[in-house]
Each structure stands twice: as C-alpha cells, then as structure tokens.
Amino acid sequence: MRFEIAADTDRGIVKETNQDSLLVKCFSTCKGDMAFAVLCDGMGGLSKGELASATVVRAFDRWSDEQLPELCKSSNPDIDSLILERQWDEVIQQQNEKIKAYGKAHAVNMGTTVVVLLVTQKAYYIINVGDSRIYSLSDHIERLTTDQTYVQREIMNGNMTQEQAMRDPRRNVLLQCVGASAEVKPEYRTGAMKNGMSLLLCSDGFRHEVSEQEIYEMLKTAATVDGQNMHDRLEQLIRLSMQRGERDNITAALIKAQ
C-alpha cells in the first residue's frame, strides 16, 4: 500500500491565534511505506496553548526520527505494539512534566490534547489524551478514539445521551490533558489496516458543527481521488464549520491507503 495525505487548519472566526499544532508525514522503511501523524489542540492564555501543542508535536517528531527506525529493524513482521505503546507513553509523560514545570515557572495554566497515529502496511496504532479524535472511513465511519471529557464519562455511565452531550455547556470540559493533569493516562488502540481505508484526525473544532455523516459523505474513499482533492474536501468542511458559527480553531488531517 501507498499513502495519500492531506491536511488543513484555520484559526476560525473568533480566536486571534491558532493553538492547534499538526504533523503529518510519510516515509519508506524496511517494512514498507508508513504514515505518521500527530494532532494537538492547545489551551492557555495568549500564546501558551500554541506553545504547549507545538512542544508535544515536536517531541513526537523527534520520536519518529530517532526511535521509530530502531523499531522497524526488529524481526517482527510489523511494529512491536507493546514497545510502541511504552515509548509513546514515555513521550507523553515526559511532556506532561515539562509543560507543567514551564507553567509553574511562568505562573500560567497551559496544556494540550494529543492524538497520535502510525499507519503501517499491516496495521494502525493510536494513542490519545483529551478530545481530539481519529475516525476510520471505509464503507462506514467509525470513531476510533474515546473522548476523555466530562460529557463522554456521563454518556458511558448512562447519565446523558449523545444528543444531550452535544448541547451541554460542559461538552469541552476535559478530564485529562498533557501539561495540566497531575497524572496522565493515555488510551492506546491498534487495528488492522486495509487497502482503500482512510483515517481522519481532527480537533474538536472540526466536528462540533458538522455531523459524522456529513464528514463521511465528504471524505469517504469513493469521493477522494487524490491528495489535492482530499485537501479541497477538508477545506470545504472547515469552511462549513465556520459558516455554522464554530468559534474554535479547526484542524484536520486525512490519510488514505491505496
């Protein structure tokens, strides 16, 4: 398989800065082509949210340059999932302490969500903290991450419906984020990768005003021809979100296997 990638971001209609940070890249390894993406949605006064999100993205970029090549040298047919999960968790824990220390030294509260995706010839690997999401798109759309939010916890406990959560004023209250949590417990997931499958990473601003069905109809495999077309369709969804009044930064990346 080879991978087409596309990404787009906008600061939105209200905020003066874009506190989202994004990395998407493809590379060749001894185990075949791979795609790697990191999306972080920062929070904090002035430029501090942007600093928090960019700090975590840079840390994972270093990981992909320094540690991933060693993982690819193993005799396993694919990446060793246990080692990968441990390495990713270490990156997150280190950045959590680093950002907390910076915030304490400068008397500011700051933090960031993070969602990370590695796609190989055989599988996808995901880790996330917060409410940035990853969806798979094939013959349907499926959310692959679980929001670490107050409303998601209430839904899982049977105290709130999905429809109520969408309207609840606490929908953006995070239970965890990197840099603002005493203890961070990332969620890790892996699954089989198939030819023709697409994976979407997005910040919460991308999907507040646009439904999952609208996302699917715009980005499903049959509708995305090439990288430029994928980018154009992401841009259309971002513009639609802003037209509907989305006030947050909006960021998304799409990886298509073919």
Protein backbone atom coordinates (compact mmCIF):
# COMPACT_ATOMS: atom_id res chain seq x y z
CA MET A 1 0.00 0.00 0.00
CA ARG A 2 0.98 3.59 -0.50
CA PHE A 3 -0.50 6.57 1.31
CA GLU A 4 -2.01 9.84 0.18
CA ILE A 5 -2.10 12.56 2.82
CA ALA A 6 -3.84 15.92 3.15
CA ALA A 7 -4.24 18.42 5.97
CA ASP A 8 -5.72 21.83 6.63
CA THR A 9 -6.15 24.19 9.57
CA ASP A 10 -7.79 27.53 10.31
CA ARG A 11 -7.76 29.73 13.39
CA GLY A 12 -11.53 30.14 12.98
CA ILE A 13 -13.79 33.16 13.16
CA VAL A 14 -13.02 34.35 16.71
CA LYS A 15 -9.58 33.46 18.03
CA GLU A 16 -6.56 35.61 17.22
CA THR A 17 -4.13 32.68 17.28
CA ASN A 18 -4.25 29.08 16.17
CA GLN A 19 -3.43 26.91 19.17
CA ASP A 20 -3.72 23.67 17.19
CA SER A 21 -0.48 22.02 16.04
CA LEU A 22 -0.18 19.29 13.44
CA LEU A 23 2.42 16.98 11.92
CA VAL A 24 1.75 14.61 9.03
CA LYS A 25 4.39 12.74 7.06
CA CYS A 26 5.06 9.60 5.06
CA PHE A 27 8.33 7.69 4.83
CA SER A 28 9.79 4.46 3.49
CA THR A 29 11.14 1.78 5.85
CA CYS A 30 12.38 -1.79 5.59
CA LYS A 31 8.81 -2.79 6.48
CA GLY A 32 7.34 -0.74 3.63
CA ASP A 33 5.81 2.72 3.42
CA MET A 34 4.36 4.22 6.60
CA ALA A 35 2.35 7.31 7.51
CA PHE A 36 2.65 9.19 10.78
CA ALA A 37 0.51 11.99 12.19
CA VAL A 38 0.22 13.96 15.42
CA LEU A 39 -2.50 16.48 16.23
CA CYS A 40 -2.56 18.62 19.38
CA ASP A 41 -5.17 21.16 20.48
CA GLY A 42 -3.57 23.57 22.94
CA MET A 43 -5.18 25.64 25.65
CA GLY A 44 -3.85 28.51 27.72
CA GLY A 45 -3.67 32.30 27.79
CA LEU A 46 -2.13 34.30 24.96
CA SER A 47 0.31 32.09 23.01
CA LYS A 48 0.73 29.47 25.75
CA GLY A 49 -1.72 26.99 24.24
CA GLU A 50 0.16 27.18 20.97
CA LEU A 51 3.42 26.59 22.84
CA ALA A 52 2.02 23.53 24.63
CA SER A 53 0.65 21.91 21.47
CA ALA A 54 3.79 22.63 19.43
CA THR A 55 6.00 21.24 22.20
CA VAL A 56 4.25 17.87 22.14
CA VAL A 57 4.21 17.69 18.35
CA ARG A 58 7.95 18.36 18.24
CA ALA A 59 8.56 15.63 20.82
CA PHE A 60 6.75 13.05 18.70
CA ASP A 61 8.53 14.28 15.59
CA ARG A 62 11.82 13.55 17.35
CA TRP A 63 10.50 10.13 18.32
CA SER A 64 9.71 9.32 14.69
CA ASP A 65 13.21 10.38 13.62
CA GLU A 66 15.15 8.70 16.42
CA GLN A 67 13.23 5.71 17.77
CA LEU A 68 10.92 4.52 15.01
CA PRO A 69 13.81 3.45 12.73
CA GLU A 70 15.04 1.14 15.51
CA LEU A 71 11.57 -0.36 15.93
CA CYS A 72 11.49 -1.10 12.21
CA LYS A 73 14.68 -3.18 12.48
CA SER A 74 13.02 -5.87 14.61
CA SER A 75 12.40 -9.35 13.22
CA ASN A 76 8.66 -8.96 13.78
CA PRO A 77 6.58 -8.75 10.60
CA ASP A 78 5.28 -5.40 11.84
CA ILE A 79 5.94 -2.91 14.64
CA ASP A 80 6.11 -4.38 18.16
CA SER A 81 2.92 -2.93 19.63
CA LEU A 82 3.94 -3.30 23.29
CA ILE A 83 7.22 -1.45 22.75
CA LEU A 84 5.46 1.24 20.71
CA GLU A 85 2.85 1.82 23.41
CA ARG A 86 5.56 2.08 26.07
CA GLN A 87 7.62 4.54 24.03
CA TRP A 88 4.63 6.73 23.23
CA ASP A 89 3.53 6.73 26.85
CA GLU A 90 7.03 7.82 27.88
CA VAL A 91 6.92 10.73 25.44
CA ILE A 92 3.56 11.86 26.82
CA GLN A 93 4.61 11.55 30.47
CA GLN A 94 7.82 13.49 29.80
CA GLN A 95 5.95 16.28 28.01
CA ASN A 96 3.33 16.41 30.75
CA GLU A 97 6.03 17.09 33.34
CA LYS A 98 7.86 19.53 31.05
CA ILE A 99 4.79 21.64 30.32
CA LYS A 100 3.66 21.59 33.97
CA ALA A 101 7.10 22.80 35.05
CA TYR A 102 7.06 25.61 32.48
CA GLY A 103 3.59 26.67 33.55
CA LYS A 104 4.58 26.72 37.21
CA ALA A 105 7.73 28.73 36.49
CA HIS A 106 5.79 31.31 34.47
CA ALA A 107 2.59 31.29 36.56
CA VAL A 108 0.37 30.21 33.66
CA ASN A 109 -2.07 27.36 33.15
CA MET A 110 -1.48 25.59 29.87
CA GLY A 111 -1.97 22.19 28.33
CA THR A 112 -2.86 20.31 25.19
CA THR A 113 -4.73 17.33 23.87
CA VAL A 114 -2.76 14.87 21.78
CA VAL A 115 -3.71 12.18 19.32
CA VAL A 116 -1.01 10.17 17.53
CA LEU A 117 -1.38 7.81 14.58
CA LEU A 118 1.11 5.44 12.95
CA VAL A 119 -0.04 3.54 9.87
CA THR A 120 1.98 0.61 8.52
CA GLN A 121 1.35 -1.90 5.74
CA LYS A 122 -0.50 -4.13 8.20
CA ALA A 123 -1.98 -2.04 10.99
CA TYR A 124 -2.74 1.32 12.54
CA TYR A 125 -1.60 2.37 16.03
CA ILE A 126 -3.23 5.16 18.05
CA ILE A 127 -2.66 6.89 21.37
CA ASN A 128 -4.70 9.82 22.65
CA VAL A 129 -5.23 12.16 25.59
CA GLY A 130 -8.16 14.60 25.61
CA ASP A 131 -10.83 15.05 22.96
CA SER A 132 -9.04 15.25 19.62
CA ARG A 133 -10.28 12.33 17.54
CA ILE A 134 -9.43 9.74 14.92
CA TYR A 135 -12.06 8.25 12.63
CA SER A 136 -11.78 5.41 10.14
CA LEU A 137 -13.64 5.71 6.86
CA SER A 138 -14.34 2.65 4.70
CA ASP A 139 -17.89 1.54 3.92
CA HIS A 140 -18.91 3.50 7.03
CA ILE A 141 -17.45 5.98 9.51
CA GLU A 142 -16.22 4.76 12.90
CA ARG A 143 -14.73 6.71 15.77
CA LEU A 144 -11.51 5.01 16.91
CA THR A 145 -10.79 7.18 19.96
CA THR A 146 -12.75 7.85 23.14
CA ASP A 147 -13.03 11.44 24.33
CA GLN A 148 -11.59 11.99 27.80
CA THR A 149 -14.26 14.53 28.68
CA TYR A 150 -16.91 15.09 31.33
CA VAL A 151 -19.80 14.51 28.91
CA GLN A 152 -18.28 11.30 27.48
CA ARG A 153 -17.93 9.93 31.01
CA GLU A 154 -21.57 10.78 31.69
CA ILE A 155 -22.63 9.05 28.47
CA MET A 156 -20.68 5.92 29.39
CA ASN A 157 -22.23 5.95 32.88
CA GLY A 158 -25.71 6.18 31.39
CA ASN A 159 -26.40 9.65 32.77
CA MET A 160 -26.52 11.51 29.45
CA THR A 161 -27.43 10.78 25.85
CA GLN A 162 -25.25 11.65 22.86
CA GLU A 163 -27.78 14.31 21.85
CA GLN A 164 -27.75 15.86 25.32
CA ALA A 165 -23.95 15.87 25.33
CA MET A 166 -23.83 17.83 22.07
CA ARG A 167 -25.84 20.66 23.67
CA ASP A 168 -24.34 20.51 27.16
CA PRO A 169 -22.30 23.62 28.11
CA ARG A 170 -19.72 21.29 29.71
CA ARG A 171 -19.02 19.45 26.46
CA ASN A 172 -15.48 20.90 26.27
CA VAL A 173 -14.52 20.07 29.87
CA LEU A 174 -11.53 17.71 29.67
CA LEU A 175 -10.79 15.06 32.26
CA GLN A 176 -7.19 14.87 31.09
CA CYS A 177 -4.76 16.91 29.05
CA VAL A 178 -1.00 16.98 28.69
CA GLY A 179 0.54 19.66 30.89
CA ALA A 180 -2.45 20.33 33.14
CA SER A 181 -3.09 16.92 34.71
CA ALA A 182 -1.33 15.59 37.79
CA GLU A 183 -1.43 12.15 36.18
CA VAL A 184 -1.98 11.37 32.52
CA LYS A 185 -3.43 8.05 31.42
CA PRO A 186 -3.38 7.83 27.61
CA GLU A 187 -5.64 5.43 25.73
CA TYR A 188 -3.95 3.13 23.23
CA ARG A 189 -5.52 1.20 20.37
CA THR A 190 -4.43 -0.81 17.36
CA GLY A 191 -6.28 -2.42 14.47
CA ALA A 192 -5.87 -3.92 11.02
CA MET A 193 -5.19 -1.58 8.11
CA LYS A 194 -6.88 -2.31 4.79
CA ASN A 195 -6.35 -1.04 1.28
CA GLY A 196 -8.85 1.69 0.46
CA MET A 197 -9.30 2.68 4.10
CA SER A 198 -8.92 6.31 5.20
CA LEU A 199 -8.09 7.66 8.64
CA LEU A 200 -9.10 11.16 9.77
CA LEU A 201 -7.52 13.07 12.66
CA CYS A 202 -9.33 16.19 13.85
CA SER A 203 -9.50 18.71 16.66
CA ASP A 204 -12.86 19.23 18.35
CA GLY A 205 -13.46 22.40 16.36
CA PHE A 206 -13.67 20.34 13.18
CA ARG A 207 -16.65 18.25 14.31
CA HIS A 208 -18.77 20.46 16.59
CA GLU A 209 -20.86 21.96 13.79
CA VAL A 210 -20.51 19.19 11.20
CA SER A 211 -22.08 15.77 11.72
CA GLU A 212 -20.24 12.48 11.37
CA GLN A 213 -22.48 11.62 8.43
CA GLU A 214 -21.55 14.87 6.68
CA ILE A 215 -17.88 14.11 7.31
CA TYR A 216 -18.32 10.63 5.86
CA GLU A 217 -20.14 11.79 2.74
CA MET A 218 -17.44 14.35 2.01
CA LEU A 219 -14.38 12.20 2.81
CA LYS A 220 -15.39 8.62 2.04
CA THR A 221 -12.96 6.68 -0.13
CA ALA A 222 -15.06 6.85 -3.28
CA ALA A 223 -15.20 10.65 -3.04
CA THR A 224 -11.47 11.28 -2.54
CA VAL A 225 -9.47 11.00 -5.74
CA ASP A 226 -6.00 12.29 -4.84
CA GLY A 227 -4.14 14.44 -2.33
CA GLN A 228 -5.36 17.74 -3.79
CA ASN A 229 -8.95 16.54 -3.87
CA MET A 230 -8.62 15.32 -0.26
CA HIS A 231 -7.32 18.74 0.80
CA ASP A 232 -10.11 20.55 -1.04
CA ARG A 233 -12.71 18.44 0.74
CA LEU A 234 -11.15 19.07 4.15
CA GLU A 235 -11.16 22.78 3.36
CA GLN A 236 -14.86 22.62 2.42
CA LEU A 237 -15.71 21.02 5.76
CA ILE A 238 -13.70 23.63 7.65
CA ARG A 239 -15.47 26.44 5.79
CA LEU A 240 -18.83 24.80 6.52
CA SER A 241 -18.00 24.66 10.24
CA MET A 242 -17.14 28.36 10.25
CA GLN A 243 -20.29 29.24 8.31
CA ARG A 244 -22.27 27.47 11.03
CA GLY A 245 -20.58 29.54 13.73
CA GLU A 246 -17.75 27.36 15.04
CA ARG A 247 -15.65 29.57 17.33
CA ASP A 248 -12.68 27.28 17.96
CA ASN A 249 -9.56 26.60 15.92
CA ILE A 250 -10.24 23.91 13.32
CA THR A 251 -7.68 21.33 12.19
CA ALA A 252 -7.88 18.02 10.33
CA ALA A 253 -5.64 15.56 8.50
CA LEU A 254 -6.63 12.70 6.22
CA ILE A 255 -4.54 9.62 5.38
CA LYS A 256 -5.76 7.31 2.63
CA ALA A 257 -4.30 3.86 1.94
CA GLN A 258 -4.38 2.68 -1.65
